[in-house]
Amino acid sequence: QSLQRMGTRMFLAHQEDIEVIGEASNGAQ
């Protein structure tokens, strides 16, 4: 779910000790 990924990515990106380095929409990716 793209909205779920976007919300999670934005939330985590604001944490000083966490860096989001990638995302995927299915298991193979």
mmCIF file of all heavy atoms, coordinates in Angstrom:
data_MODEL
# 
_entry.id   MODEL 
# 
loop_
_atom_site.group_PDB 
_atom_site.id 
_atom_site.type_symbol 
_atom_site.label_atom_id 
_atom_site.label_alt_id 
_atom_site.label_comp_id 
_atom_site.label_asym_id 
_atom_site.label_entity_id 
_atom_site.label_seq_id 
_atom_site.pdbx_PDB_ins_code 
_atom_site.Cartn_x 
_atom_site.Cartn_y 
_atom_site.Cartn_z 
_atom_site.occupancy 
_atom_site.B_iso_or_equiv 
_atom_site.pdbx_formal_charge 
_atom_site.auth_seq_id 
_atom_site.auth_comp_id 
_atom_site.auth_asym_id 
_atom_site.auth_atom_id 
_atom_site.pdbx_PDB_model_num 
ATOM 1   N N   . GLN A 1 1  ? 0.842  -1.190  0.000  1.00 0.00 ? 1  GLN A N   1 
ATOM 2   C CA  . GLN A 1 1  ? 0.000  0.000   0.000  1.00 0.00 ? 1  GLN A CA  1 
ATOM 3   C C   . GLN A 1 1  ? 0.885  1.251   0.000  1.00 0.00 ? 1  GLN A C   1 
ATOM 4   O O   . GLN A 1 1  ? 1.628  1.505   0.954  1.00 0.00 ? 1  GLN A O   1 
ATOM 5   C CB  . GLN A 1 1  ? -0.911 -0.007  1.221  1.00 0.00 ? 1  GLN A CB  1 
ATOM 6   C CG  . GLN A 1 1  ? -1.858 -1.199  1.262  1.00 0.00 ? 1  GLN A CG  1 
ATOM 7   C CD  . GLN A 1 1  ? -2.762 -1.185  2.478  1.00 0.00 ? 1  GLN A CD  1 
ATOM 8   O OE1 . GLN A 1 1  ? -3.005 -0.137  3.066  1.00 0.00 ? 1  GLN A OE1 1 
ATOM 9   N NE2 . GLN A 1 1  ? -3.242 -2.352  2.864  1.00 0.00 ? 1  GLN A NE2 1 
ATOM 10  N N   . SER A 1 2  ? 0.783  2.037   -1.093 1.00 0.00 ? 2  SER A N   1 
ATOM 11  C CA  . SER A 1 2  ? 1.681  3.174   -1.258 1.00 0.00 ? 2  SER A CA  1 
ATOM 12  C C   . SER A 1 2  ? 1.499  4.226   -0.171 1.00 0.00 ? 2  SER A C   1 
ATOM 13  O O   . SER A 1 2  ? 2.490  4.813   0.299  1.00 0.00 ? 2  SER A O   1 
ATOM 14  C CB  . SER A 1 2  ? 1.467  3.817   -2.634 1.00 0.00 ? 2  SER A CB  1 
ATOM 15  O OG  . SER A 1 2  ? 0.109  4.220   -2.797 1.00 0.00 ? 2  SER A OG  1 
ATOM 16  N N   . LEU A 1 3  ? 0.265  4.473   0.255  1.00 0.00 ? 3  LEU A N   1 
ATOM 17  C CA  . LEU A 1 3  ? 0.042  5.461   1.311  1.00 0.00 ? 3  LEU A CA  1 
ATOM 18  C C   . LEU A 1 3  ? 0.650  5.005   2.629  1.00 0.00 ? 3  LEU A C   1 
ATOM 19  O O   . LEU A 1 3  ? 1.203  5.811   3.387  1.00 0.00 ? 3  LEU A O   1 
ATOM 20  C CB  . LEU A 1 3  ? -1.460 5.725   1.482  1.00 0.00 ? 3  LEU A CB  1 
ATOM 21  C CG  . LEU A 1 3  ? -2.122 6.569   0.393  1.00 0.00 ? 3  LEU A CG  1 
ATOM 22  C CD1 . LEU A 1 3  ? -3.622 6.698   0.654  1.00 0.00 ? 3  LEU A CD1 1 
ATOM 23  C CD2 . LEU A 1 3  ? -1.483 7.946   0.310  1.00 0.00 ? 3  LEU A CD2 1 
ATOM 24  N N   . GLN A 1 4  ? 0.546  3.703   2.905  1.00 0.00 ? 4  GLN A N   1 
ATOM 25  C CA  . GLN A 1 4  ? 1.139  3.154   4.123  1.00 0.00 ? 4  GLN A CA  1 
ATOM 26  C C   . GLN A 1 4  ? 2.653  3.321   4.087  1.00 0.00 ? 4  GLN A C   1 
ATOM 27  O O   . GLN A 1 4  ? 3.280  3.727   5.075  1.00 0.00 ? 4  GLN A O   1 
ATOM 28  C CB  . GLN A 1 4  ? 0.779  1.671   4.253  1.00 0.00 ? 4  GLN A CB  1 
ATOM 29  C CG  . GLN A 1 4  ? 1.358  0.970   5.464  1.00 0.00 ? 4  GLN A CG  1 
ATOM 30  C CD  . GLN A 1 4  ? 0.626  1.315   6.740  1.00 0.00 ? 4  GLN A CD  1 
ATOM 31  O OE1 . GLN A 1 4  ? -0.566 1.571   6.726  1.00 0.00 ? 4  GLN A OE1 1 
ATOM 32  N NE2 . GLN A 1 4  ? 1.339  1.320   7.861  1.00 0.00 ? 4  GLN A NE2 1 
ATOM 33  N N   . ARG A 1 5  ? 3.274  3.028   2.933  1.00 0.00 ? 5  ARG A N   1 
ATOM 34  C CA  . ARG A 1 5  ? 4.722  3.167   2.803  1.00 0.00 ? 5  ARG A CA  1 
ATOM 35  C C   . ARG A 1 5  ? 5.147  4.625   2.964  1.00 0.00 ? 5  ARG A C   1 
ATOM 36  O O   . ARG A 1 5  ? 6.120  4.931   3.643  1.00 0.00 ? 5  ARG A O   1 
ATOM 37  C CB  . ARG A 1 5  ? 5.210  2.645   1.442  1.00 0.00 ? 5  ARG A CB  1 
ATOM 38  C CG  . ARG A 1 5  ? 5.100  1.151   1.253  1.00 0.00 ? 5  ARG A CG  1 
ATOM 39  C CD  . ARG A 1 5  ? 6.030  0.661   0.135  1.00 0.00 ? 5  ARG A CD  1 
ATOM 40  N NE  . ARG A 1 5  ? 5.984  1.486   -1.056 1.00 0.00 ? 5  ARG A NE  1 
ATOM 41  C CZ  . ARG A 1 5  ? 5.075  1.342   -2.021 1.00 0.00 ? 5  ARG A CZ  1 
ATOM 42  N NH1 . ARG A 1 5  ? 4.134  0.414   -1.913 1.00 0.00 ? 5  ARG A NH1 1 
ATOM 43  N NH2 . ARG A 1 5  ? 5.113  2.108   -3.100 1.00 0.00 ? 5  ARG A NH2 1 
ATOM 44  N N   . MET A 1 6  ? 4.387  5.517   2.316  1.00 0.00 ? 6  MET A N   1 
ATOM 45  C CA  . MET A 1 6  ? 4.748  6.928   2.380  1.00 0.00 ? 6  MET A CA  1 
ATOM 46  C C   . MET A 1 6  ? 4.661  7.457   3.806  1.00 0.00 ? 6  MET A C   1 
ATOM 47  O O   . MET A 1 6  ? 5.553  8.160   4.278  1.00 0.00 ? 6  MET A O   1 
ATOM 48  C CB  . MET A 1 6  ? 3.825  7.754   1.470  1.00 0.00 ? 6  MET A CB  1 
ATOM 49  C CG  . MET A 1 6  ? 4.148  9.250   1.462  1.00 0.00 ? 6  MET A CG  1 
ATOM 50  S SD  . MET A 1 6  ? 3.111  10.194  0.306  1.00 0.00 ? 6  MET A SD  1 
ATOM 51  C CE  . MET A 1 6  ? 1.500  10.021  1.111  1.00 0.00 ? 6  MET A CE  1 
ATOM 52  N N   . GLY A 1 7  ? 3.576  7.104   4.504  1.00 0.00 ? 7  GLY A N   1 
ATOM 53  C CA  . GLY A 1 7  ? 3.409  7.561   5.873  1.00 0.00 ? 7  GLY A CA  1 
ATOM 54  C C   . GLY A 1 7  ? 4.497  7.039   6.787  1.00 0.00 ? 7  GLY A C   1 
ATOM 55  O O   . GLY A 1 7  ? 5.050  7.787   7.613  1.00 0.00 ? 7  GLY A O   1 
ATOM 56  N N   . THR A 1 8  ? 4.831  5.769   6.630  1.00 0.00 ? 8  THR A N   1 
ATOM 57  C CA  . THR A 1 8  ? 5.880  5.175   7.455  1.00 0.00 ? 8  THR A CA  1 
ATOM 58  C C   . THR A 1 8  ? 7.230  5.796   7.153  1.00 0.00 ? 8  THR A C   1 
ATOM 59  O O   . THR A 1 8  ? 8.005  6.111   8.061  1.00 0.00 ? 8  THR A O   1 
ATOM 60  C CB  . THR A 1 8  ? 5.950  3.649   7.219  1.00 0.00 ? 8  THR A CB  1 
ATOM 61  O OG1 . THR A 1 8  ? 4.685  3.067   7.534  1.00 0.00 ? 8  THR A OG1 1 
ATOM 62  C CG2 . THR A 1 8  ? 7.018  3.019   8.098  1.00 0.00 ? 8  THR A CG2 1 
ATOM 63  N N   . ARG A 1 9  ? 7.508  5.997   5.843  1.00 0.00 ? 9  ARG A N   1 
ATOM 64  C CA  . ARG A 1 9  ? 8.789  6.589   5.455  1.00 0.00 ? 9  ARG A CA  1 
ATOM 65  C C   . ARG A 1 9  ? 8.941  8.001   6.008  1.00 0.00 ? 9  ARG A C   1 
ATOM 66  O O   . ARG A 1 9  ? 9.992  8.356   6.557  1.00 0.00 ? 9  ARG A O   1 
ATOM 67  C CB  . ARG A 1 9  ? 8.912  6.619   3.931  1.00 0.00 ? 9  ARG A CB  1 
ATOM 68  C CG  . ARG A 1 9  ? 10.243 7.195   3.439  1.00 0.00 ? 9  ARG A CG  1 
ATOM 69  C CD  . ARG A 1 9  ? 10.321 7.237   1.930  1.00 0.00 ? 9  ARG A CD  1 
ATOM 70  N NE  . ARG A 1 9  ? 9.400  8.198   1.358  1.00 0.00 ? 9  ARG A NE  1 
ATOM 71  C CZ  . ARG A 1 9  ? 8.331  7.893   0.634  1.00 0.00 ? 9  ARG A CZ  1 
ATOM 72  N NH1 . ARG A 1 9  ? 8.051  6.614   0.380  1.00 0.00 ? 9  ARG A NH1 1 
ATOM 73  N NH2 . ARG A 1 9  ? 7.545  8.828   0.147  1.00 0.00 ? 9  ARG A NH2 1 
ATOM 74  N N   . MET A 1 10 ? 7.895  8.811   5.904  1.00 0.00 ? 10 MET A N   1 
ATOM 75  C CA  . MET A 1 10 ? 7.953  10.187  6.398  1.00 0.00 ? 10 MET A CA  1 
ATOM 76  C C   . MET A 1 10 ? 8.139  10.231  7.904  1.00 0.00 ? 10 MET A C   1 
ATOM 77  O O   . MET A 1 10 ? 8.903  11.040  8.443  1.00 0.00 ? 10 MET A O   1 
ATOM 78  C CB  . MET A 1 10 ? 6.689  10.940  5.988  1.00 0.00 ? 10 MET A CB  1 
ATOM 79  C CG  . MET A 1 10 ? 6.563  11.172  4.493  1.00 0.00 ? 10 MET A CG  1 
ATOM 80  S SD  . MET A 1 10 ? 5.003  11.985  4.030  1.00 0.00 ? 10 MET A SD  1 
ATOM 81  C CE  . MET A 1 10 ? 5.203  13.562  4.875  1.00 0.00 ? 10 MET A CE  1 
ATOM 82  N N   . PHE A 1 11 ? 7.437  9.328   8.589  1.00 0.00 ? 11 PHE A N   1 
ATOM 83  C CA  . PHE A 1 11 ? 7.549  9.284   10.048 1.00 0.00 ? 11 PHE A CA  1 
ATOM 84  C C   . PHE A 1 11 ? 8.958  8.897   10.476 1.00 0.00 ? 11 PHE A C   1 
ATOM 85  O O   . PHE A 1 11 ? 9.570  9.544   11.329 1.00 0.00 ? 11 PHE A O   1 
ATOM 86  C CB  . PHE A 1 11 ? 6.527  8.291   10.607 1.00 0.00 ? 11 PHE A CB  1 
ATOM 87  C CG  . PHE A 1 11 ? 6.696  7.998   12.065 1.00 0.00 ? 11 PHE A CG  1 
ATOM 88  C CD1 . PHE A 1 11 ? 6.506  8.989   13.026 1.00 0.00 ? 11 PHE A CD1 1 
ATOM 89  C CD2 . PHE A 1 11 ? 7.060  6.717   12.494 1.00 0.00 ? 11 PHE A CD2 1 
ATOM 90  C CE1 . PHE A 1 11 ? 6.665  8.720   14.380 1.00 0.00 ? 11 PHE A CE1 1 
ATOM 91  C CE2 . PHE A 1 11 ? 7.213  6.444   13.839 1.00 0.00 ? 11 PHE A CE2 1 
ATOM 92  C CZ  . PHE A 1 11 ? 7.019  7.451   14.784 1.00 0.00 ? 11 PHE A CZ  1 
ATOM 93  N N   . LEU A 1 12 ? 9.507  7.853   9.864  1.00 0.00 ? 12 LEU A N   1 
ATOM 94  C CA  . LEU A 1 12 ? 10.833 7.383   10.257 1.00 0.00 ? 12 LEU A CA  1 
ATOM 95  C C   . LEU A 1 12 ? 11.932 8.364   9.851  1.00 0.00 ? 12 LEU A C   1 
ATOM 96  O O   . LEU A 1 12 ? 12.952 8.485   10.544 1.00 0.00 ? 12 LEU A O   1 
ATOM 97  C CB  . LEU A 1 12 ? 11.106 6.012   9.624  1.00 0.00 ? 12 LEU A CB  1 
ATOM 98  C CG  . LEU A 1 12 ? 10.203 4.867   10.091 1.00 0.00 ? 12 LEU A CG  1 
ATOM 99  C CD1 . LEU A 1 12 ? 10.556 3.583   9.350  1.00 0.00 ? 12 LEU A CD1 1 
ATOM 100 C CD2 . LEU A 1 12 ? 10.327 4.664   11.590 1.00 0.00 ? 12 LEU A CD2 1 
ATOM 101 N N   . ALA A 1 13 ? 11.721 9.068   8.728  1.00 0.00 ? 13 ALA A N   1 
ATOM 102 C CA  . ALA A 1 13 ? 12.743 9.996   8.249  1.00 0.00 ? 13 ALA A CA  1 
ATOM 103 C C   . ALA A 1 13 ? 12.974 11.156  9.217  1.00 0.00 ? 13 ALA A C   1 
ATOM 104 O O   . ALA A 1 13 ? 14.035 11.794  9.171  1.00 0.00 ? 13 ALA A O   1 
ATOM 105 C CB  . ALA A 1 13 ? 12.351 10.542  6.879  1.00 0.00 ? 13 ALA A CB  1 
ATOM 106 N N   . HIS A 1 14 ? 12.019 11.410  10.082 1.00 0.00 ? 14 HIS A N   1 
ATOM 107 C CA  . HIS A 1 14 ? 12.153 12.511  11.039 1.00 0.00 ? 14 HIS A CA  1 
ATOM 108 C C   . HIS A 1 14 ? 12.877 12.086  12.320 1.00 0.00 ? 14 HIS A C   1 
ATOM 109 O O   . HIS A 1 14 ? 13.080 12.905  13.213 1.00 0.00 ? 14 HIS A O   1 
ATOM 110 C CB  . HIS A 1 14 ? 10.770 13.079  11.390 1.00 0.00 ? 14 HIS A CB  1 
ATOM 111 C CG  . HIS A 1 14 ? 10.202 13.979  10.327 1.00 0.00 ? 14 HIS A CG  1 
ATOM 112 N ND1 . HIS A 1 14 ? 9.540  13.489  9.227  1.00 0.00 ? 14 HIS A ND1 1 
ATOM 113 C CD2 . HIS A 1 14 ? 10.237 15.332  10.192 1.00 0.00 ? 14 HIS A CD2 1 
ATOM 114 C CE1 . HIS A 1 14 ? 9.169  14.509  8.470  1.00 0.00 ? 14 HIS A CE1 1 
ATOM 115 N NE2 . HIS A 1 14 ? 9.578  15.634  9.023  1.00 0.00 ? 14 HIS A NE2 1 
ATOM 116 N N   . GLN A 1 15 ? 13.265 10.811  12.405 1.00 0.00 ? 15 GLN A N   1 
ATOM 117 C CA  . GLN A 1 15 ? 13.984 10.330  13.582 1.00 0.00 ? 15 GLN A CA  1 
ATOM 118 C C   . GLN A 1 15 ? 15.490 10.491  13.358 1.00 0.00 ? 15 GLN A C   1 
ATOM 119 O O   . GLN A 1 15 ? 16.015 10.076  12.327 1.00 0.00 ? 15 GLN A O   1 
ATOM 120 C CB  . GLN A 1 15 ? 13.641 8.853   13.855 1.00 0.00 ? 15 GLN A CB  1 
ATOM 121 C CG  . GLN A 1 15 ? 12.151 8.553   13.874 1.00 0.00 ? 15 GLN A CG  1 
ATOM 122 C CD  . GLN A 1 15 ? 11.380 9.435   14.838 1.00 0.00 ? 15 GLN A CD  1 
ATOM 123 O OE1 . GLN A 1 15 ? 11.804 9.624   15.990 1.00 0.00 ? 15 GLN A OE1 1 
ATOM 124 N NE2 . GLN A 1 15 ? 10.243 9.951   14.409 1.00 0.00 ? 15 GLN A NE2 1 
ATOM 125 N N   . GLU A 1 16 ? 16.153 11.088  14.306 1.00 0.00 ? 16 GLU A N   1 
ATOM 126 C CA  . GLU A 1 16 ? 17.575 11.394  14.149 1.00 0.00 ? 16 GLU A CA  1 
ATOM 127 C C   . GLU A 1 16 ? 18.444 10.143  14.001 1.00 0.00 ? 16 GLU A C   1 
ATOM 128 O O   . GLU A 1 16 ? 19.490 10.182  13.345 1.00 0.00 ? 16 GLU A O   1 
ATOM 129 C CB  . GLU A 1 16 ? 18.069 12.220  15.332 1.00 0.00 ? 16 GLU A CB  1 
ATOM 130 C CG  . GLU A 1 16 ? 17.454 13.626  15.403 1.00 0.00 ? 16 GLU A CG  1 
ATOM 131 C CD  . GLU A 1 16 ? 18.028 14.435  16.539 1.00 0.00 ? 16 GLU A CD  1 
ATOM 132 O OE1 . GLU A 1 16 ? 18.850 13.876  17.305 1.00 0.00 ? 16 GLU A OE1 1 
ATOM 133 O OE2 . GLU A 1 16 ? 17.666 15.620  16.664 1.00 0.00 ? 16 GLU A OE2 1 
ATOM 134 N N   . ASP A 1 17 ? 18.034 9.051   14.627 1.00 0.00 ? 17 ASP A N   1 
ATOM 135 C CA  . ASP A 1 17 ? 18.876 7.850   14.624 1.00 0.00 ? 17 ASP A CA  1 
ATOM 136 C C   . ASP A 1 17 ? 18.421 6.803   13.615 1.00 0.00 ? 17 ASP A C   1 
ATOM 137 O O   . ASP A 1 17 ? 18.898 5.667   13.636 1.00 0.00 ? 17 ASP A O   1 
ATOM 138 C CB  . ASP A 1 17 ? 18.917 7.234   16.024 1.00 0.00 ? 17 ASP A CB  1 
ATOM 139 C CG  . ASP A 1 17 ? 17.527 6.840   16.517 1.00 0.00 ? 17 ASP A CG  1 
ATOM 140 O OD1 . ASP A 1 17 ? 16.531 7.406   16.026 1.00 0.00 ? 17 ASP A OD1 1 
ATOM 141 O OD2 . ASP A 1 17 ? 17.443 5.970   17.410 1.00 0.00 ? 17 ASP A OD2 1 
ATOM 142 N N   . ILE A 1 18 ? 17.494 7.168   12.720 1.00 0.00 ? 18 ILE A N   1 
ATOM 143 C CA  . ILE A 1 18 ? 16.992 6.213   11.731 1.00 0.00 ? 18 ILE A CA  1 
ATOM 144 C C   . ILE A 1 18 ? 17.114 6.808   10.335 1.00 0.00 ? 18 ILE A C   1 
ATOM 145 O O   . ILE A 1 18 ? 16.725 7.954   10.092 1.00 0.00 ? 18 ILE A O   1 
ATOM 146 C CB  . ILE A 1 18 ? 15.519 5.840   12.003 1.00 0.00 ? 18 ILE A CB  1 
ATOM 147 C CG1 . ILE A 1 18 ? 15.398 5.109   13.346 1.00 0.00 ? 18 ILE A CG1 1 
ATOM 148 C CG2 . ILE A 1 18 ? 14.965 4.958   10.876 1.00 0.00 ? 18 ILE A CG2 1 
ATOM 149 C CD1 . ILE A 1 18 ? 13.974 4.776   13.739 1.00 0.00 ? 18 ILE A CD1 1 
ATOM 150 N N   . GLU A 1 19 ? 17.642 6.022   9.406  1.00 0.00 ? 19 GLU A N   1 
ATOM 151 C CA  . GLU A 1 19 ? 17.756 6.442   8.011  1.00 0.00 ? 19 GLU A CA  1 
ATOM 152 C C   . GLU A 1 19 ? 17.022 5.435   7.127  1.00 0.00 ? 19 GLU A C   1 
ATOM 153 O O   . GLU A 1 19 ? 17.290 4.231   7.191  1.00 0.00 ? 19 GLU A O   1 
ATOM 154 C CB  . GLU A 1 19 ? 19.225 6.512   7.585  1.00 0.00 ? 19 GLU A CB  1 
ATOM 155 C CG  . GLU A 1 19 ? 19.411 6.928   6.127  1.00 0.00 ? 19 GLU A CG  1 
ATOM 156 C CD  . GLU A 1 19 ? 20.859 6.895   5.682  1.00 0.00 ? 19 GLU A CD  1 
ATOM 157 O OE1 . GLU A 1 19 ? 21.721 6.493   6.498  1.00 0.00 ? 19 GLU A OE1 1 
ATOM 158 O OE2 . GLU A 1 19 ? 21.134 7.262   4.528  1.00 0.00 ? 19 GLU A OE2 1 
ATOM 159 N N   . VAL A 1 20 ? 16.087 5.910   6.331  1.00 0.00 ? 20 VAL A N   1 
ATOM 160 C CA  . VAL A 1 20 ? 15.355 5.055   5.395  1.00 0.00 ? 20 VAL A CA  1 
ATOM 161 C C   . VAL A 1 20 ? 16.153 4.987   4.102  1.00 0.00 ? 20 VAL A C   1 
ATOM 162 O O   . VAL A 1 20 ? 16.359 6.007   3.433  1.00 0.00 ? 20 VAL A O   1 
ATOM 163 C CB  . VAL A 1 20 ? 13.941 5.611   5.123  1.00 0.00 ? 20 VAL A CB  1 
ATOM 164 C CG1 . VAL A 1 20 ? 13.207 4.698   4.130  1.00 0.00 ? 20 VAL A CG1 1 
ATOM 165 C CG2 . VAL A 1 20 ? 13.148 5.741   6.419  1.00 0.00 ? 20 VAL A CG2 1 
ATOM 166 N N   . ILE A 1 21 ? 16.595 3.787   3.731  1.00 0.00 ? 21 ILE A N   1 
ATOM 167 C CA  . ILE A 1 21 ? 17.468 3.665   2.558  1.00 0.00 ? 21 ILE A CA  1 
ATOM 168 C C   . ILE A 1 21 ? 16.792 2.955   1.385  1.00 0.00 ? 21 ILE A C   1 
ATOM 169 O O   . ILE A 1 21 ? 17.393 2.807   0.320  1.00 0.00 ? 21 ILE A O   1 
ATOM 170 C CB  . ILE A 1 21 ? 18.778 2.927   2.913  1.00 0.00 ? 21 ILE A CB  1 
ATOM 171 C CG1 . ILE A 1 21 ? 18.480 1.512   3.416  1.00 0.00 ? 21 ILE A CG1 1 
ATOM 172 C CG2 . ILE A 1 21 ? 19.565 3.723   3.933  1.00 0.00 ? 21 ILE A CG2 1 
ATOM 173 C CD1 . ILE A 1 21 ? 19.748 0.702   3.664  1.00 0.00 ? 21 ILE A CD1 1 
ATOM 174 N N   . GLY A 1 22 ? 15.545 2.511   1.567  1.00 0.00 ? 22 GLY A N   1 
ATOM 175 C CA  . GLY A 1 22 ? 14.859 1.841   0.469  1.00 0.00 ? 22 GLY A CA  1 
ATOM 176 C C   . GLY A 1 22 ? 13.450 1.447   0.840  1.00 0.00 ? 22 GLY A C   1 
ATOM 177 O O   . GLY A 1 22 ? 13.081 1.469   2.012  1.00 0.00 ? 22 GLY A O   1 
ATOM 178 N N   . GLU A 1 23 ? 12.650 1.113   -0.179 1.00 0.00 ? 23 GLU A N   1 
ATOM 179 C CA  . GLU A 1 23 ? 11.297 0.628   0.053  1.00 0.00 ? 23 GLU A CA  1 
ATOM 180 C C   . GLU A 1 23 ? 10.892 -0.258  -1.111 1.00 0.00 ? 23 GLU A C   1 
ATOM 181 O O   . GLU A 1 23 ? 11.484 -0.187  -2.198 1.00 0.00 ? 23 GLU A O   1 
ATOM 182 C CB  . GLU A 1 23 ? 10.315 1.783   0.218  1.00 0.00 ? 23 GLU A CB  1 
ATOM 183 C CG  . GLU A 1 23 ? 10.193 2.694   -0.991 1.00 0.00 ? 23 GLU A CG  1 
ATOM 184 C CD  . GLU A 1 23 ? 9.178  3.799   -0.753 1.00 0.00 ? 23 GLU A CD  1 
ATOM 185 O OE1 . GLU A 1 23 ? 9.537  4.795   -0.087 1.00 0.00 ? 23 GLU A OE1 1 
ATOM 186 O OE2 . GLU A 1 23 ? 8.034  3.665   -1.234 1.00 0.00 ? 23 GLU A OE2 1 
ATOM 187 N N   . ALA A 1 24 ? 9.879  -1.084  -0.890 1.00 0.00 ? 24 ALA A N   1 
ATOM 188 C CA  . ALA A 1 24 ? 9.427  -2.007  -1.924 1.00 0.00 ? 24 ALA A CA  1 
ATOM 189 C C   . ALA A 1 24 ? 7.925  -2.222  -1.789 1.00 0.00 ? 24 ALA A C   1 
ATOM 190 O O   . ALA A 1 24 ? 7.364  -2.080  -0.702 1.00 0.00 ? 24 ALA A O   1 
ATOM 191 C CB  . ALA A 1 24 ? 10.159 -3.341  -1.807 1.00 0.00 ? 24 ALA A CB  1 
ATOM 192 N N   . SER A 1 25 ? 7.277  -2.559  -2.902 1.00 0.00 ? 25 SER A N   1 
ATOM 193 C CA  . SER A 1 25 ? 5.833  -2.751  -2.913 1.00 0.00 ? 25 SER A CA  1 
ATOM 194 C C   . SER A 1 25 ? 5.425  -4.216  -2.933 1.00 0.00 ? 25 SER A C   1 
ATOM 195 O O   . SER A 1 25 ? 4.243  -4.537  -2.880 1.00 0.00 ? 25 SER A O   1 
ATOM 196 C CB  . SER A 1 25 ? 5.219  -2.032  -4.118 1.00 0.00 ? 25 SER A CB  1 
ATOM 197 O OG  . SER A 1 25 ? 5.746  -2.554  -5.330 1.00 0.00 ? 25 SER A OG  1 
ATOM 198 N N   . ASN A 1 26 ? 6.392  -5.120  -3.033 1.00 0.00 ? 26 ASN A N   1 
ATOM 199 C CA  . ASN A 1 26 ? 6.070  -6.551  -2.998 1.00 0.00 ? 26 ASN A CA  1 
ATOM 200 C C   . ASN A 1 26 ? 7.273  -7.327  -2.470 1.00 0.00 ? 26 ASN A C   1 
ATOM 201 O O   . ASN A 1 26 ? 8.368  -6.780  -2.319 1.00 0.00 ? 26 ASN A O   1 
ATOM 202 C CB  . ASN A 1 26 ? 5.653  -7.066  -4.380 1.00 0.00 ? 26 ASN A CB  1 
ATOM 203 C CG  . ASN A 1 26 ? 6.719  -6.848  -5.440 1.00 0.00 ? 26 ASN A CG  1 
ATOM 204 O OD1 . ASN A 1 26 ? 7.841  -7.337  -5.322 1.00 0.00 ? 26 ASN A OD1 1 
ATOM 205 N ND2 . ASN A 1 26 ? 6.388  -6.096  -6.490 1.00 0.00 ? 26 ASN A ND2 1 
ATOM 206 N N   . GLY A 1 27 ? 7.058  -8.598  -2.207 1.00 0.00 ? 27 GLY A N   1 
ATOM 207 C CA  . GLY A 1 27 ? 8.094  -9.416  -1.596 1.00 0.00 ? 27 GLY A CA  1 
ATOM 208 C C   . GLY A 1 27 ? 9.338  -9.571  -2.440 1.00 0.00 ? 27 GLY A C   1 
ATOM 209 O O   . GLY A 1 27 ? 10.465 -9.534  -1.923 1.00 0.00 ? 27 GLY A O   1 
ATOM 210 N N   . ALA A 1 28 ? 9.159  -9.739  -3.750 1.00 0.00 ? 28 ALA A N   1 
ATOM 211 C CA  . ALA A 1 28 ? 10.323 -9.916  -4.642 1.00 0.00 ? 28 ALA A CA  1 
ATOM 212 C C   . ALA A 1 28 ? 11.203 -8.677  -4.615 1.00 0.00 ? 28 ALA A C   1 
ATOM 213 O O   . ALA A 1 28 ? 12.437 -8.773  -4.572 1.00 0.00 ? 28 ALA A O   1 
ATOM 214 C CB  . ALA A 1 28 ? 9.846  -10.223 -6.062 1.00 0.00 ? 28 ALA A CB  1 
ATOM 215 N N   . GLN A 1 29 ? 10.572 -7.501  -4.664 1.00 0.00 ? 29 GLN A N   1 
ATOM 216 C CA  . GLN A 1 29 ? 11.344 -6.258  -4.595 1.00 0.00 ? 29 GLN A CA  1 
ATOM 217 C C   . GLN A 1 29 ? 12.045 -6.122  -3.246 1.00 0.00 ? 29 GLN A C   1 
ATOM 218 O O   . GLN A 1 29 ? 13.171 -5.632  -3.169 1.00 0.00 ? 29 GLN A O   1 
ATOM 219 C CB  . GLN A 1 29 ? 10.426 -5.059  -4.817 1.00 0.00 ? 29 GLN A CB  1 
ATOM 220 C CG  . GLN A 1 29 ? 9.913  -4.903  -6.234 1.00 0.00 ? 29 GLN A CG  1 
ATOM 221 C CD  . GLN A 1 29 ? 9.014  -3.682  -6.382 1.00 0.00 ? 29 GLN A CD  1 
ATOM 222 O OE1 . GLN A 1 29 ? 8.862  -2.893  -5.455 1.00 0.00 ? 29 GLN A OE1 1 
ATOM 223 N NE2 . GLN A 1 29 ? 8.407  -3.539  -7.561 1.00 0.00 ? 29 GLN A NE2 1 
# 
